[in-house]
Protein backbone atom coordinates (compact mmCIF):
# COMPACT_ATOMS: atom_id res chain seq x y z
CA MET A 1 78.80 34.51 -30.79
CA SER A 2 75.86 32.50 -30.94
CA THR A 3 73.74 30.98 -27.85
CA GLU A 4 71.93 28.72 -30.43
CA GLN A 5 72.31 27.07 -33.56
CA LYS A 6 70.02 25.00 -36.22
CA ILE A 7 70.56 21.67 -37.31
CA GLY A 8 68.16 21.04 -40.12
CA GLU A 9 64.77 21.16 -38.33
CA TYR A 10 66.27 21.33 -35.06
CA LEU A 11 67.12 24.32 -32.77
CA ILE A 12 69.49 23.51 -30.05
CA SER A 13 69.52 26.32 -27.30
CA ILE A 14 72.15 26.75 -24.49
CA VAL A 15 70.49 26.86 -21.27
CA ASP A 16 72.95 28.03 -18.55
CA ASP A 17 72.64 27.18 -15.11
CA HIS A 18 75.52 28.77 -13.06
CA PRO A 19 79.21 29.22 -13.63
CA GLY A 20 81.50 26.76 -12.06
CA ALA A 21 84.02 27.38 -9.56
CA SER A 22 87.50 28.71 -10.44
CA ARG A 23 90.06 26.35 -10.08
CA ASP A 24 94.09 26.16 -10.32
CA ILE A 25 94.98 24.35 -13.77
CA GLU A 26 97.56 21.98 -12.09
CA VAL A 27 95.01 20.73 -10.30
CA VAL A 28 92.38 20.15 -12.90
CA TYR A 29 95.23 18.79 -15.85
CA PRO A 30 97.97 17.26 -13.36
CA ASP A 31 99.57 15.71 -16.43
CA VAL A 32 100.35 18.60 -18.22
CA ARG A 33 103.48 21.10 -17.56
CA ALA A 34 103.05 24.36 -16.88
CA ASN A 35 104.84 25.62 -20.26
CA GLU A 36 102.75 23.43 -22.30
CA TRP A 37 99.91 25.74 -21.49
CA ASP A 38 101.82 28.94 -22.82
CA SER A 39 100.44 29.16 -26.20
CA TYR A 40 96.69 28.22 -24.78
CA ARG A 41 96.76 30.80 -22.24
CA SER A 42 94.67 33.09 -23.73
CA ILE A 43 92.09 31.34 -25.43
CA ALA A 44 91.94 28.39 -22.50
CA LEU A 45 92.52 29.95 -19.21
CA SER A 46 90.78 33.36 -17.09
CA SER A 47 92.45 36.25 -17.09
CA SER A 48 93.89 34.92 -13.80
CA GLY A 49 95.19 32.00 -15.37
CA LYS A 50 92.50 29.63 -13.79
CA PHE A 51 90.59 27.14 -15.17
CA GLN A 52 86.94 28.39 -15.08
CA SER A 53 84.18 26.22 -16.52
CA GLN A 54 80.41 27.08 -17.03
CA TRP A 55 77.52 24.63 -15.51
CA ARG A 56 74.88 24.18 -18.40
CA GLY A 57 72.44 21.97 -20.48
CA HIS A 58 71.04 22.29 -23.83
CA LEU A 59 67.51 22.24 -25.32
CA ILE A 60 66.59 20.64 -28.64
CA SER A 61 63.68 21.27 -29.83
CA ARG A 62 62.03 21.55 -33.37
CA SER A 63 62.03 24.77 -35.29
CA ASP A 64 58.35 24.47 -35.97
CA GLY A 65 57.43 23.74 -32.51
CA SER A 66 56.50 20.29 -33.26
CA GLY A 67 57.85 17.08 -31.70
CA PRO A 68 59.24 16.38 -28.15
CA LYS A 69 61.30 18.96 -26.33
CA ILE A 70 64.92 17.38 -25.20
CA LEU A 71 66.86 18.52 -22.45
CA VAL A 72 70.50 17.41 -22.36
CA ASP A 73 71.98 17.91 -18.90
CA THR A 74 70.50 19.84 -15.84
CA GLY A 75 73.39 21.43 -14.76
CA MET A 76 74.41 21.58 -10.81
CA GLY A 77 70.99 22.15 -9.57
CA PRO A 78 69.22 24.61 -7.27
CA GLY A 79 72.03 25.50 -5.09
CA PRO A 80 72.69 27.80 -3.40
CA HIS A 81 76.09 27.32 -4.58
CA GLU A 82 79.28 28.20 -1.99
CA HIS A 83 81.58 29.48 -4.39
CA THR A 84 79.07 32.06 -5.53
CA GLY A 85 76.29 32.29 -2.78
CA ARG A 86 73.66 32.48 -5.67
CA HIS A 87 71.54 30.02 -7.06
CA GLY A 88 71.25 27.90 -10.30
CA GLU A 89 69.32 29.63 -13.02
CA LEU A 90 68.60 26.78 -15.39
CA LEU A 91 64.82 26.87 -15.06
CA GLU A 92 64.86 30.80 -15.10
CA ASN A 93 66.89 30.22 -18.50
CA LEU A 94 64.41 27.67 -19.86
CA SER A 95 61.71 30.13 -18.78
CA GLU A 96 63.42 32.87 -20.97
CA LEU A 97 63.08 30.37 -23.85
CA ASN A 98 59.29 30.15 -23.39
CA VAL A 99 59.73 26.51 -22.11
CA THR A 100 58.58 25.15 -18.55
CA ALA A 101 59.79 22.14 -16.90
CA ASP A 102 56.28 21.00 -17.58
CA ASP A 103 56.82 21.14 -21.53
CA ILE A 104 59.94 18.87 -21.22
CA ASP A 105 59.43 15.50 -22.80
CA VAL A 106 62.73 13.95 -22.80
CA VAL A 107 66.18 14.72 -20.38
CA VAL A 108 69.14 13.15 -21.42
CA THR A 109 71.80 12.59 -19.08
CA THR A 110 75.39 12.59 -20.87
CA HIS A 111 77.06 11.02 -17.68
CA CYS A 112 76.46 11.14 -13.63
CA HIS A 113 78.56 13.72 -12.20
CA GLY A 114 76.66 16.48 -10.37
CA ASP A 115 77.39 19.34 -12.60
CA HIS A 116 75.14 17.52 -15.18
CA ILE A 117 72.21 15.97 -13.05
CA GLY A 118 71.38 18.56 -10.29
CA TRP A 119 68.08 19.51 -11.43
CA ASN A 120 66.63 16.22 -12.18
CA VAL A 121 64.72 15.94 -8.99
CA THR A 122 63.29 18.36 -6.50
CA TRP A 123 63.60 17.52 -3.01
CA ASP A 124 60.38 18.42 -0.44
CA GLY A 125 62.22 17.53 2.86
CA GLN A 126 62.78 13.66 2.36
CA THR A 127 60.49 13.20 -0.70
CA PRO A 128 61.76 13.50 -4.12
CA THR A 129 59.79 14.54 -7.34
CA ALA A 130 60.94 14.70 -11.00
CA THR A 131 61.65 18.34 -11.73
CA PHE A 132 60.69 17.56 -15.06
CA PRO A 133 57.22 15.57 -14.61
CA ASN A 134 56.43 14.62 -17.71
CA ALA A 135 59.79 13.59 -19.03
CA THR A 136 61.38 10.36 -19.49
CA TYR A 137 65.13 10.45 -18.49
CA TYR A 138 67.55 8.67 -20.24
CA VAL A 139 70.81 7.37 -18.30
CA ALA A 140 73.56 5.12 -19.77
CA ALA A 141 73.25 1.89 -18.33
CA ASN A 142 76.95 1.67 -17.96
CA ASP A 143 76.95 4.72 -15.47
CA TRP A 144 73.58 3.48 -13.90
CA ARG A 145 75.42 -0.01 -13.04
CA TYR A 146 78.66 1.77 -11.87
CA TYR A 147 77.06 4.77 -9.42
CA SER A 148 74.55 2.17 -8.04
CA ASN A 149 77.23 0.27 -6.61
CA PRO A 150 78.10 1.60 -2.86
CA GLU A 151 81.65 1.04 -3.80
CA ASN A 152 81.66 3.80 -6.10
CA GLY A 153 79.79 6.14 -3.63
CA ASN A 154 78.47 9.32 -5.25
CA GLU A 155 76.39 11.64 -3.23
CA ALA A 156 74.89 13.65 -6.34
CA PHE A 157 73.89 10.13 -8.22
CA ASP A 158 71.97 9.30 -5.08
CA ARG A 159 70.37 12.20 -4.73
CA SER A 160 69.68 13.44 -8.12
CA VAL A 161 69.73 9.75 -10.32
CA ALA A 162 68.90 7.02 -7.92
CA PRO A 163 65.30 8.15 -7.32
CA LEU A 164 64.52 8.53 -11.27
CA GLU A 165 63.95 4.51 -10.62
CA ASP A 166 61.28 4.58 -7.94
CA LEU A 167 59.46 7.46 -9.66
CA GLY A 168 59.10 5.61 -12.86
CA VAL A 169 60.80 8.11 -15.12
CA LEU A 170 64.13 5.98 -15.66
CA GLN A 171 65.13 4.84 -19.19
CA LEU A 172 68.52 3.16 -19.40
CA ALA A 173 70.36 3.62 -22.60
CA VAL A 174 72.35 0.73 -23.99
CA GLY A 175 74.58 1.88 -27.12
CA GLU A 176 72.97 4.06 -29.72
CA VAL A 177 69.26 4.79 -28.73
CA GLU A 178 67.39 6.90 -31.09
CA ILE A 179 65.43 9.52 -28.43
CA ALA A 180 63.63 11.19 -31.70
CA PRO A 181 64.17 11.02 -35.16
CA GLY A 182 67.26 12.05 -36.13
CA VAL A 183 68.54 12.64 -32.17
CA THR A 184 70.72 9.43 -30.97
CA THR A 185 72.77 8.87 -27.85
CA LEU A 186 76.42 7.83 -29.07
CA PRO A 187 78.65 6.38 -26.50
CA THR A 188 81.83 7.97 -25.63
CA ASN A 189 83.02 6.09 -22.23
CA GLY A 190 86.13 7.18 -20.69
CA HIS A 191 84.99 10.37 -18.79
CA THR A 192 82.76 8.00 -16.56
CA PRO A 193 82.12 4.25 -17.34
CA GLY A 194 78.92 5.65 -19.56
CA HIS A 195 79.49 9.14 -20.80
CA GLN A 196 77.35 9.66 -23.93
CA CYS A 197 77.20 12.33 -26.38
CA VAL A 198 74.15 13.47 -28.33
CA LYS A 199 74.14 13.33 -32.02
CA ILE A 200 71.60 15.59 -34.11
CA GLU A 201 71.12 14.70 -37.66
CA SER A 202 68.76 16.55 -40.03
CA GLY A 203 68.36 18.28 -42.95
CA GLY A 204 72.02 17.12 -44.15
CA GLU A 205 73.40 18.58 -41.16
CA ILE A 206 74.82 17.14 -38.02
CA GLY A 207 75.39 18.66 -34.60
CA VAL A 208 76.83 16.82 -31.52
CA ILE A 209 76.31 17.62 -27.53
CA THR A 210 79.58 16.73 -26.21
CA GLY A 211 78.90 16.64 -22.46
CA ASP A 212 82.29 16.52 -21.04
CA LEU A 213 84.27 15.01 -23.90
CA PHE A 214 86.43 17.72 -23.33
CA HIS A 215 86.61 20.46 -20.46
CA ASN A 216 88.76 23.05 -22.10
CA VAL A 217 89.26 24.52 -25.75
CA ALA A 218 93.00 23.39 -25.49
CA GLN A 219 91.77 19.71 -25.50
CA VAL A 220 90.75 20.50 -29.26
CA SER A 221 94.41 20.59 -30.04
CA GLU A 222 95.89 18.74 -27.53
CA GLN A 223 93.62 15.51 -27.69
CA HIS A 224 95.67 13.49 -25.39
CA TRP A 225 95.42 16.13 -22.31
CA CYS A 226 93.00 14.67 -19.69
CA PRO A 227 91.31 16.23 -16.67
CA SER A 228 91.60 14.55 -13.23
CA PHE A 229 87.87 14.27 -13.63
CA ASP A 230 88.12 11.54 -16.33
CA TRP A 231 87.48 7.90 -15.02
CA ARG A 232 89.72 6.20 -17.22
CA THR A 233 92.14 8.56 -19.43
CA ASP A 234 92.70 5.87 -21.86
CA LEU A 235 88.97 5.67 -22.82
CA SER A 236 88.49 9.26 -22.60
CA THR A 237 91.53 9.92 -25.01
CA ALA A 238 90.19 7.47 -27.28
CA SER A 239 86.50 8.57 -27.40
CA ARG A 240 87.70 11.99 -27.92
CA ARG A 241 89.98 11.81 -30.56
CA TRP A 242 87.35 9.40 -32.36
CA LEU A 243 84.53 12.08 -32.18
CA MET A 244 86.56 14.65 -32.84
CA TRP A 245 88.14 13.49 -35.79
CA ARG A 246 84.46 12.76 -37.41
CA ALA A 247 83.34 16.32 -36.35
CA GLN A 248 86.33 17.60 -37.88
CA SER A 249 86.15 15.51 -41.08
CA GLU A 250 82.40 15.67 -41.66
CA GLY A 251 82.08 19.18 -40.32
CA TRP A 252 79.62 18.73 -37.58
CA THR A 253 78.74 21.48 -35.42
CA VAL A 254 79.94 21.22 -31.82
CA PHE A 255 77.94 21.74 -28.60
CA SER A 256 80.16 21.78 -25.81
CA GLY A 257 79.52 21.42 -22.24
CA HIS A 258 81.66 24.03 -20.28
CA LEU A 259 83.57 26.46 -22.60
CA PRO A 260 82.45 30.07 -22.19
CA THR A 261 78.61 30.98 -22.98
CA GLY A 262 79.07 32.74 -26.47
CA SER A 263 82.03 30.95 -27.93
CA SER A 264 81.06 27.30 -26.81
CA ILE A 265 79.15 26.55 -30.16
CA GLY A 266 81.77 25.63 -32.47
CA ARG A 267 83.64 23.26 -35.11
CA ILE A 268 86.95 21.68 -35.36
CA VAL A 269 89.06 22.94 -37.86
CA GLN A 270 92.45 22.15 -38.78
CA GLY A 271 95.06 25.03 -37.76
CA GLU A 272 98.62 25.07 -38.11
CA GLY A 273 99.66 21.17 -37.45
CA LYS A 274 96.70 20.54 -34.93
CA PRO A 275 92.92 20.94 -34.98
CA GLY A 276 91.68 24.25 -33.28
CA TRP A 277 88.20 25.42 -32.20
CA GLU A 278 86.26 27.72 -34.43
CA PRO A 279 83.25 29.46 -32.52
CA VAL A 280 80.17 29.74 -34.62
């Protein structure tokens, strides 16, 4: 299965950071009854019946090497992470693609949860610097306003997003913002107040990087299922249904935020009465 895919003149590559922690499924999806998982266990849960996610980013670059290099999300960060005792590997995996932190021109944050912003900022004691020193960081204005409010305290935001303003590298995204020719932010609020996907359109093809629009392959079929992480489930469900309908009806290639590496790039296709996931 693929870890990269062309969309016209663009190449979108997975940049893994670290495996997420294994969690009990009833904790992650508290409103889904145990027996409702029966037809999905073999494809949606780990061998031990747990919810298992992969932390990652995606690199967008032109196949001919011209134009900006765009990193969508930066994983959980350096660590070491408690559940493995190991450090995050995002920068190492970027290097495997012959890309350094200095080469990144744009960082797009799909939303301000810790597992998507962890490498944004590097700390030397009490001093923060931008990990990607030549990049402009795009953060949705709705997320910025929400998490900047002390009542919505988010330690990860305070450490990995808030410093970007004083560092002079922050750009707030309102609505659909063109990052590069054919590369546009796509508001899909609900998981957080400012959750956004990234749409890539080139050569008559369309791809979309979905962030946390869905966390599990079962949600492709059961689009009303919502994890406990969603800020507002009514909005996240509406956003999920809208984008998945477009992706299915228009043949988009979908780059998912958390599905297992090797099957995280796919298309939404019609199954027996419900949509399903078809890895590419």
